[in-house]
């Protein structure tokens, strides 16, 4: 991702994988969205999620990982997605290790 074209190449590569992996599936995910190489999806069970992961890995040289929701919440990128009565709510995600300290804009950082 160090190149200015990294995001473009990642989108092209992931789009190619998606076409191969998802087109042949009988039961597609209810929700599927992707930002570069991070995918948010809603499937009925873990078995279905593993099938999607395996289909992606069979059509790629990449390894994929997944994270399951806990207490109806899932951190995705910098957002906490919470499932609520048939829909989703998004809020800013902060790590548990965040102690709330930020640098003052006028601190040791030069203006340029």
N, C-alpha and C. Protein backbone atom coordinates (compact mmCIF):
# COMPACT_ATOMS: atom_id res chain seq x y z
N UNK A 1 0.82 -1.19 0.00
CA UNK A 1 0.00 0.00 0.00
C UNK A 1 0.87 1.26 0.00
N UNK A 2 2.18 1.13 -0.17
CA UNK A 2 3.06 2.28 -0.15
C UNK A 2 3.00 3.11 -1.42
N UNK A 3 2.52 2.56 -2.50
CA UNK A 3 2.45 3.28 -3.77
C UNK A 3 1.15 4.08 -3.85
N UNK A 4 1.17 5.23 -4.53
CA UNK A 4 -0.07 5.97 -4.75
C UNK A 4 -1.12 5.15 -5.52
N UNK A 5 -0.65 4.17 -6.29
CA UNK A 5 -1.57 3.32 -7.05
C UNK A 5 -1.99 2.08 -6.27
N UNK A 6 -1.51 1.94 -5.03
CA UNK A 6 -1.81 0.75 -4.23
C UNK A 6 -3.29 0.49 -4.04
N UNK A 7 -4.04 1.54 -3.75
CA UNK A 7 -5.48 1.39 -3.53
C UNK A 7 -6.17 0.95 -4.82
N UNK A 8 -5.77 1.54 -5.95
CA UNK A 8 -6.35 1.15 -7.24
C UNK A 8 -6.06 -0.32 -7.54
N UNK A 9 -4.80 -0.74 -7.36
CA UNK A 9 -4.45 -2.14 -7.62
C UNK A 9 -5.20 -3.08 -6.68
N UNK A 10 -5.33 -2.70 -5.42
CA UNK A 10 -6.06 -3.54 -4.45
C UNK A 10 -7.52 -3.67 -4.85
N UNK A 11 -8.14 -2.57 -5.29
CA UNK A 11 -9.54 -2.64 -5.72
C UNK A 11 -9.72 -3.52 -6.94
N UNK A 12 -8.81 -3.42 -7.89
CA UNK A 12 -8.89 -4.25 -9.09
C UNK A 12 -8.73 -5.72 -8.72
N UNK A 13 -7.73 -6.02 -7.89
CA UNK A 13 -7.48 -7.41 -7.50
C UNK A 13 -8.65 -7.98 -6.71
N UNK A 14 -9.14 -7.23 -5.73
CA UNK A 14 -10.27 -7.72 -4.92
C UNK A 14 -11.53 -7.87 -5.77
N UNK A 15 -11.75 -6.97 -6.72
CA UNK A 15 -12.90 -7.09 -7.61
C UNK A 15 -12.85 -8.36 -8.44
N UNK A 16 -11.64 -8.71 -8.89
CA UNK A 16 -11.46 -9.95 -9.66
C UNK A 16 -11.76 -11.17 -8.80
N UNK A 17 -11.27 -11.15 -7.56
CA UNK A 17 -11.53 -12.26 -6.64
C UNK A 17 -13.03 -12.38 -6.36
N UNK A 18 -13.68 -11.24 -6.12
CA UNK A 18 -15.13 -11.24 -5.83
C UNK A 18 -15.91 -11.85 -6.99
N UNK A 19 -15.57 -11.47 -8.20
CA UNK A 19 -16.29 -12.02 -9.35
C UNK A 19 -16.17 -13.53 -9.40
N UNK A 20 -14.98 -14.06 -9.18
CA UNK A 20 -14.78 -15.50 -9.23
C UNK A 20 -15.44 -16.21 -8.05
N UNK A 21 -15.32 -15.65 -6.86
CA UNK A 21 -15.78 -16.33 -5.64
C UNK A 21 -17.28 -16.22 -5.42
N UNK A 22 -17.84 -15.04 -5.64
CA UNK A 22 -19.24 -14.82 -5.29
C UNK A 22 -20.23 -15.19 -6.39
N UNK A 23 -19.80 -15.14 -7.65
CA UNK A 23 -20.72 -15.41 -8.75
C UNK A 23 -21.25 -16.84 -8.69
N UNK A 24 -20.41 -17.80 -8.35
CA UNK A 24 -20.83 -19.19 -8.34
C UNK A 24 -21.61 -19.61 -7.11
N UNK A 25 -21.78 -18.75 -6.14
CA UNK A 25 -22.47 -19.13 -4.90
C UNK A 25 -23.97 -19.13 -5.07
N UNK A 26 -24.59 -20.17 -4.51
CA UNK A 26 -26.06 -20.25 -4.56
C UNK A 26 -26.69 -19.27 -3.58
N UNK A 27 -26.16 -19.21 -2.38
CA UNK A 27 -26.71 -18.35 -1.33
C UNK A 27 -25.74 -17.21 -1.07
N UNK A 28 -26.04 -16.05 -1.61
CA UNK A 28 -25.16 -14.89 -1.45
C UNK A 28 -25.41 -14.22 -0.09
N UNK A 29 -24.42 -13.50 0.45
CA UNK A 29 -24.60 -12.82 1.73
C UNK A 29 -25.72 -11.78 1.65
N UNK A 30 -26.42 -11.59 2.77
CA UNK A 30 -27.49 -10.59 2.83
C UNK A 30 -26.90 -9.19 2.66
N UNK A 31 -25.76 -8.95 3.27
CA UNK A 31 -25.05 -7.67 3.15
C UNK A 31 -23.61 -7.98 2.79
N UNK A 32 -23.08 -7.26 1.83
CA UNK A 32 -21.68 -7.41 1.44
C UNK A 32 -21.17 -6.04 1.02
N UNK A 33 -20.21 -5.52 1.76
CA UNK A 33 -19.59 -4.26 1.38
C UNK A 33 -18.09 -4.35 1.65
N UNK A 34 -17.32 -3.63 0.86
CA UNK A 34 -15.87 -3.72 0.96
C UNK A 34 -15.27 -2.33 0.84
N UNK A 35 -14.23 -2.09 1.65
CA UNK A 35 -13.40 -0.90 1.52
C UNK A 35 -11.97 -1.40 1.34
N UNK A 36 -11.42 -1.24 0.17
CA UNK A 36 -10.12 -1.74 -0.25
C UNK A 36 -10.07 -3.25 0.00
N UNK A 37 -9.47 -3.70 1.12
CA UNK A 37 -9.40 -5.14 1.37
C UNK A 37 -10.11 -5.56 2.65
N UNK A 38 -10.91 -4.68 3.23
CA UNK A 38 -11.70 -4.98 4.42
C UNK A 38 -13.15 -5.18 4.01
N UNK A 39 -13.70 -6.33 4.38
CA UNK A 39 -15.05 -6.69 3.95
C UNK A 39 -15.98 -6.77 5.15
N UNK A 40 -17.16 -6.18 5.01
CA UNK A 40 -18.22 -6.29 6.01
C UNK A 40 -19.34 -7.10 5.37
N UNK A 41 -19.72 -8.19 6.00
CA UNK A 41 -20.77 -9.02 5.43
C UNK A 41 -21.67 -9.57 6.52
N UNK A 42 -22.90 -9.87 6.14
CA UNK A 42 -23.86 -10.49 7.06
C UNK A 42 -24.30 -11.80 6.45
N UNK A 43 -24.05 -12.89 7.18
CA UNK A 43 -24.42 -14.23 6.72
C UNK A 43 -25.20 -14.92 7.84
N UNK A 44 -25.97 -15.96 7.50
CA UNK A 44 -26.81 -16.59 8.51
C UNK A 44 -26.05 -17.34 9.61
N UNK A 45 -24.87 -17.92 9.29
CA UNK A 45 -24.14 -18.68 10.30
C UNK A 45 -22.65 -18.73 9.98
N UNK A 46 -21.88 -19.26 10.92
CA UNK A 46 -20.42 -19.32 10.77
C UNK A 46 -20.03 -20.24 9.62
N UNK A 47 -20.77 -21.30 9.40
CA UNK A 47 -20.46 -22.22 8.30
C UNK A 47 -20.46 -21.48 6.97
N UNK A 48 -21.44 -20.62 6.77
CA UNK A 48 -21.54 -19.85 5.53
C UNK A 48 -20.35 -18.88 5.40
N UNK A 49 -19.96 -18.28 6.51
CA UNK A 49 -18.82 -17.37 6.51
C UNK A 49 -17.53 -18.11 6.13
N UNK A 50 -17.37 -19.30 6.66
CA UNK A 50 -16.18 -20.10 6.32
C UNK A 50 -16.18 -20.49 4.84
N UNK A 51 -17.35 -20.77 4.28
CA UNK A 51 -17.44 -21.10 2.85
C UNK A 51 -16.99 -19.90 1.99
N UNK A 52 -17.42 -18.71 2.37
CA UNK A 52 -17.03 -17.51 1.63
C UNK A 52 -15.52 -17.30 1.75
N UNK A 53 -14.99 -17.46 2.96
CA UNK A 53 -13.54 -17.31 3.18
C UNK A 53 -12.77 -18.31 2.31
N UNK A 54 -13.19 -19.56 2.29
CA UNK A 54 -12.52 -20.58 1.48
C UNK A 54 -12.61 -20.27 -0.01
N UNK A 55 -13.76 -19.77 -0.46
CA UNK A 55 -13.91 -19.41 -1.87
C UNK A 55 -12.96 -18.28 -2.25
N UNK A 56 -12.81 -17.30 -1.37
CA UNK A 56 -11.87 -16.20 -1.62
C UNK A 56 -10.44 -16.72 -1.67
N UNK A 57 -10.08 -17.60 -0.75
CA UNK A 57 -8.70 -18.10 -0.70
C UNK A 57 -8.39 -19.02 -1.88
N UNK A 58 -9.37 -19.74 -2.38
CA UNK A 58 -9.16 -20.62 -3.54
C UNK A 58 -8.92 -19.81 -4.81
N UNK A 59 -9.44 -18.59 -4.86
CA UNK A 59 -9.31 -17.74 -6.04
C UNK A 59 -8.26 -16.66 -5.87
N UNK A 60 -7.38 -16.81 -4.87
CA UNK A 60 -6.42 -15.76 -4.57
C UNK A 60 -5.14 -16.35 -4.00
N UNK A 61 -4.10 -15.55 -3.97
CA UNK A 61 -2.86 -15.93 -3.29
C UNK A 61 -2.85 -15.38 -1.87
N UNK A 62 -3.88 -14.65 -1.50
CA UNK A 62 -3.98 -14.03 -0.18
C UNK A 62 -4.58 -14.99 0.84
N UNK A 63 -4.29 -14.73 2.11
CA UNK A 63 -4.97 -15.41 3.21
C UNK A 63 -5.96 -14.43 3.81
N UNK A 64 -7.13 -14.90 4.17
CA UNK A 64 -8.17 -14.04 4.72
C UNK A 64 -8.47 -14.44 6.15
N UNK A 65 -8.82 -13.46 6.96
CA UNK A 65 -9.23 -13.71 8.34
C UNK A 65 -10.62 -13.12 8.53
N UNK A 66 -11.27 -13.50 9.60
CA UNK A 66 -12.58 -12.91 9.89
C UNK A 66 -12.72 -12.68 11.38
N UNK A 67 -13.63 -11.78 11.70
CA UNK A 67 -13.91 -11.45 13.08
C UNK A 67 -15.41 -11.50 13.27
N UNK A 68 -15.85 -12.14 14.32
CA UNK A 68 -17.28 -12.28 14.59
C UNK A 68 -17.74 -11.17 15.54
N UNK A 69 -19.01 -10.87 15.49
CA UNK A 69 -19.58 -9.87 16.39
C UNK A 69 -19.55 -10.39 17.83
N UNK A 70 -19.46 -9.47 18.76
CA UNK A 70 -19.55 -9.79 20.19
C UNK A 70 -20.57 -8.83 20.78
N UNK A 71 -21.56 -9.38 21.44
CA UNK A 71 -22.64 -8.57 22.03
C UNK A 71 -23.30 -7.68 20.98
N UNK A 72 -23.49 -8.24 19.79
CA UNK A 72 -24.14 -7.56 18.67
C UNK A 72 -23.35 -6.34 18.18
N UNK A 73 -22.04 -6.31 18.48
CA UNK A 73 -21.17 -5.21 18.06
C UNK A 73 -19.97 -5.77 17.31
N UNK A 74 -19.51 -5.00 16.31
CA UNK A 74 -18.35 -5.40 15.54
C UNK A 74 -17.56 -4.17 15.14
N UNK A 75 -16.27 -4.10 15.53
CA UNK A 75 -15.46 -2.98 15.05
C UNK A 75 -15.07 -3.22 13.59
N UNK A 76 -15.34 -2.25 12.74
CA UNK A 76 -15.01 -2.35 11.32
C UNK A 76 -14.37 -1.04 10.91
N UNK A 77 -13.10 -1.10 10.53
CA UNK A 77 -12.31 0.09 10.24
C UNK A 77 -12.31 0.96 11.49
N UNK A 78 -12.73 2.19 11.44
CA UNK A 78 -12.77 3.05 12.63
C UNK A 78 -14.20 3.26 13.12
N UNK A 79 -15.05 2.27 12.89
CA UNK A 79 -16.47 2.38 13.23
C UNK A 79 -16.89 1.15 14.04
N UNK A 80 -17.71 1.36 15.05
CA UNK A 80 -18.34 0.25 15.76
C UNK A 80 -19.73 0.08 15.16
N UNK A 81 -19.97 -1.07 14.57
CA UNK A 81 -21.28 -1.35 13.96
C UNK A 81 -22.07 -2.18 14.96
N UNK A 82 -23.26 -1.70 15.31
CA UNK A 82 -24.12 -2.38 16.26
C UNK A 82 -25.42 -2.77 15.56
N UNK A 83 -25.81 -4.03 15.72
CA UNK A 83 -27.07 -4.50 15.12
C UNK A 83 -28.21 -4.14 16.06
N UNK A 84 -29.21 -3.45 15.49
CA UNK A 84 -30.37 -3.03 16.29
C UNK A 84 -31.65 -3.25 15.49
N UNK A 85 -32.54 -4.01 16.01
CA UNK A 85 -33.89 -4.25 15.45
C UNK A 85 -33.94 -4.20 13.92
N UNK A 86 -33.27 -5.13 13.29
CA UNK A 86 -33.33 -5.25 11.84
C UNK A 86 -32.46 -4.26 11.08
N UNK A 87 -31.68 -3.47 11.76
CA UNK A 87 -30.81 -2.50 11.09
C UNK A 87 -29.48 -2.40 11.81
N UNK A 88 -28.70 -1.43 11.41
CA UNK A 88 -27.38 -1.24 12.00
C UNK A 88 -27.22 0.20 12.44
N UNK A 89 -26.44 0.39 13.49
CA UNK A 89 -26.10 1.71 14.00
C UNK A 89 -24.57 1.82 13.98
N UNK A 90 -24.04 2.94 13.55
CA UNK A 90 -22.60 3.14 13.49
C UNK A 90 -22.18 4.22 14.47
N UNK A 91 -21.06 4.00 15.13
CA UNK A 91 -20.49 4.97 16.06
C UNK A 91 -18.97 4.92 15.92
N UNK A 92 -18.30 5.95 16.38
CA UNK A 92 -16.84 5.99 16.32
C UNK A 92 -16.27 4.88 17.19
N UNK A 93 -15.30 4.16 16.66
CA UNK A 93 -14.66 3.07 17.39
C UNK A 93 -13.39 3.56 18.07
N UNK A 94 -13.25 3.29 19.34
CA UNK A 94 -12.01 3.56 20.05
C UNK A 94 -11.56 2.26 20.71
N UNK A 95 -10.27 2.01 20.63
CA UNK A 95 -9.71 0.80 21.20
C UNK A 95 -9.81 0.85 22.72
N UNK A 96 -9.84 -0.33 23.33
CA UNK A 96 -9.90 -0.41 24.79
C UNK A 96 -8.66 0.20 25.44
N UNK A 97 -7.55 0.22 24.71
CA UNK A 97 -6.31 0.77 25.26
C UNK A 97 -6.23 2.29 25.14
N UNK A 98 -7.21 2.92 24.52
CA UNK A 98 -7.21 4.38 24.36
C UNK A 98 -7.40 5.05 25.71
N UNK A 99 -6.46 5.92 26.09
CA UNK A 99 -6.58 6.63 27.37
C UNK A 99 -7.00 8.08 27.18
N UNK A 100 -7.31 8.45 25.94
CA UNK A 100 -7.87 9.77 25.67
C UNK A 100 -6.87 10.91 25.63
N UNK A 101 -5.60 10.62 25.58
CA UNK A 101 -4.59 11.67 25.53
C UNK A 101 -4.22 11.94 24.08
N UNK A 102 -4.25 13.20 23.69
CA UNK A 102 -3.89 13.62 22.33
C UNK A 102 -2.81 14.69 22.41
N UNK A 103 -2.04 14.80 21.35
CA UNK A 103 -1.05 15.87 21.27
C UNK A 103 -1.74 17.20 21.04
N UNK A 104 -1.24 18.22 21.69
CA UNK A 104 -1.70 19.57 21.45
C UNK A 104 -1.17 19.98 20.07
N UNK A 105 -1.98 20.63 19.28
CA UNK A 105 -1.57 21.04 17.94
C UNK A 105 -0.39 22.01 17.96
N UNK A 106 -0.19 22.70 19.05
CA UNK A 106 0.92 23.65 19.16
C UNK A 106 2.11 23.05 19.91
N UNK A 107 2.17 21.74 20.01
CA UNK A 107 3.27 21.10 20.76
C UNK A 107 4.54 21.08 19.93
N UNK A 108 5.34 20.07 20.08
CA UNK A 108 6.67 19.99 19.45
C UNK A 108 6.60 19.77 17.94
N UNK A 109 5.44 19.63 17.37
CA UNK A 109 5.33 19.39 15.93
C UNK A 109 5.54 20.68 15.16
N UNK A 110 6.46 20.71 14.21
CA UNK A 110 6.65 21.93 13.42
C UNK A 110 5.44 22.19 12.51
N UNK A 111 5.19 23.45 12.20
CA UNK A 111 4.04 23.81 11.37
C UNK A 111 4.12 23.22 9.97
N UNK A 112 5.30 23.07 9.44
CA UNK A 112 5.41 22.53 8.08
C UNK A 112 5.40 21.05 8.16
